[in-house]
Amino acid sequence: MQDFEFLEEPKPKYIGRRYLAGFIDYAIVNTIAFMLIFIMGTPDGEGNYHLNGLPALLPVLFWFLFTVCLETWFGATVGNSIVHLKPITLSGYASKDIF
């Protein structure tokens, strides 16, 4: 794996906003995942719901589209946009504009 040389040690700048953005993103992902499981799942006698077969991949697919694809296509996730963070590359340039 390639080692990156930084001109200075990276600082945890905006760490609170970064945690908040991650919390927002995963709150949305988990809410949608639980809704999918509740709506499409089959209940058992103990109050649990189960997804079997291809529907079991829907929460994972939603996570991929919501986090990886949004950041790739738009340059930021919803959480990053809400807290006004703009992810940059290692070279220091923003890859795309936020929403």
Protein backbone atom coordinates (compact mmCIF):
# COMPACT_ATOMS: atom_id res chain seq x y z
CA MET A 1 0.00 0.00 0.00
CA GLN A 2 1.22 3.48 -0.83
CA ASP A 3 2.32 5.77 1.99
CA PHE A 4 1.26 9.38 1.75
CA GLU A 5 3.59 12.16 2.80
CA PHE A 6 1.87 15.13 4.39
CA LEU A 7 3.50 18.52 4.57
CA GLU A 8 2.15 18.77 8.09
CA GLU A 9 0.41 16.38 10.42
CA PRO A 10 -3.34 16.24 9.66
CA LYS A 11 -5.39 17.96 12.35
CA PRO A 12 -8.84 16.86 13.48
CA LYS A 13 -10.43 20.02 12.11
CA TYR A 14 -14.20 20.22 12.35
CA ILE A 15 -14.26 16.89 14.20
CA GLY A 16 -17.58 17.69 15.89
CA ARG A 17 -19.22 18.53 12.56
CA ARG A 18 -17.77 15.37 11.03
CA TYR A 19 -19.25 13.21 13.80
CA LEU A 20 -22.60 15.00 13.44
CA ALA A 21 -22.59 14.46 9.67
CA GLY A 22 -21.89 10.75 10.16
CA PHE A 23 -24.61 10.53 12.80
CA ILE A 24 -27.13 12.17 10.44
CA ASP A 25 -26.18 9.88 7.56
CA TYR A 26 -26.41 6.69 9.58
CA ALA A 27 -29.61 7.79 11.33
CA ILE A 28 -31.19 8.08 7.88
CA VAL A 29 -29.70 4.78 6.67
CA ASN A 30 -30.78 2.87 9.79
CA THR A 31 -34.28 4.38 9.76
CA ILE A 32 -34.82 3.36 6.14
CA ALA A 33 -33.31 -0.09 6.77
CA PHE A 34 -35.61 -0.70 9.74
CA MET A 35 -38.60 0.48 7.71
CA LEU A 36 -37.68 -1.88 4.86
CA ILE A 37 -37.33 -4.79 7.26
CA PHE A 38 -40.61 -3.95 9.00
CA ILE A 39 -42.57 -3.51 5.75
CA MET A 40 -41.07 -6.36 3.71
CA GLY A 41 -40.07 -8.74 6.50
CA THR A 42 -42.02 -11.70 7.82
CA PRO A 43 -42.81 -11.61 11.54
CA ASP A 44 -42.15 -14.57 13.79
CA GLY A 45 -43.88 -15.43 17.05
CA GLU A 46 -41.37 -13.49 19.17
CA GLY A 47 -41.95 -10.07 17.61
CA ASN A 48 -38.92 -10.15 15.29
CA TYR A 49 -38.94 -9.61 11.54
CA HIS A 50 -36.85 -11.50 9.00
CA LEU A 51 -35.91 -10.79 5.40
CA ASN A 52 -34.95 -13.75 3.23
CA GLY A 53 -33.59 -13.97 -0.29
CA LEU A 54 -33.08 -10.91 -2.48
CA PRO A 55 -35.10 -8.53 -0.25
CA ALA A 56 -32.42 -9.06 2.41
CA LEU A 57 -30.00 -7.16 0.16
CA LEU A 58 -32.16 -4.02 0.01
CA PRO A 59 -30.84 -2.42 3.23
CA VAL A 60 -27.25 -3.03 2.08
CA LEU A 61 -28.02 -1.66 -1.39
CA PHE A 62 -29.63 1.43 0.14
CA TRP A 63 -26.57 1.98 2.37
CA PHE A 64 -24.28 1.73 -0.69
CA LEU A 65 -26.36 4.15 -2.75
CA PHE A 66 -26.84 6.59 0.12
CA THR A 67 -23.23 6.81 1.29
CA VAL A 68 -20.81 5.69 -1.39
CA CYS A 69 -22.73 6.74 -4.51
CA LEU A 70 -23.94 10.09 -3.16
CA GLU A 71 -20.42 11.09 -2.18
CA THR A 72 -19.06 9.90 -5.52
CA TRP A 73 -21.71 11.60 -7.66
CA PHE A 74 -22.31 14.80 -5.69
CA GLY A 75 -19.14 15.19 -3.65
CA ALA A 76 -20.88 14.90 -0.26
CA THR A 77 -23.50 12.95 1.63
CA VAL A 78 -26.70 14.43 3.02
CA GLY A 79 -25.11 14.74 6.48
CA ASN A 80 -22.10 16.57 5.04
CA SER A 81 -24.39 18.97 3.21
CA ILE A 82 -26.50 19.68 6.31
CA VAL A 83 -23.48 20.58 8.46
CA HIS A 84 -21.76 22.37 5.55
CA LEU A 85 -18.77 20.07 5.15
CA LYS A 86 -17.07 19.70 1.80
CA PRO A 87 -14.91 16.57 1.53
CA ILE A 88 -11.61 17.13 -0.26
CA THR A 89 -9.09 14.81 -1.84
CA LEU A 90 -5.62 14.18 -0.42
CA SER A 91 -4.28 16.77 -2.84
CA GLY A 92 -6.53 19.38 -1.22
CA TYR A 93 -9.13 19.85 -3.94
CA ALA A 94 -12.87 19.33 -3.64
CA SER A 95 -13.95 16.68 -6.09
CA LYS A 96 -17.43 18.10 -6.79
CA ASP A 97 -19.81 20.76 -5.55
CA ILE A 98 -22.18 19.94 -2.71
CA PHE A 99 -25.88 19.76 -3.67
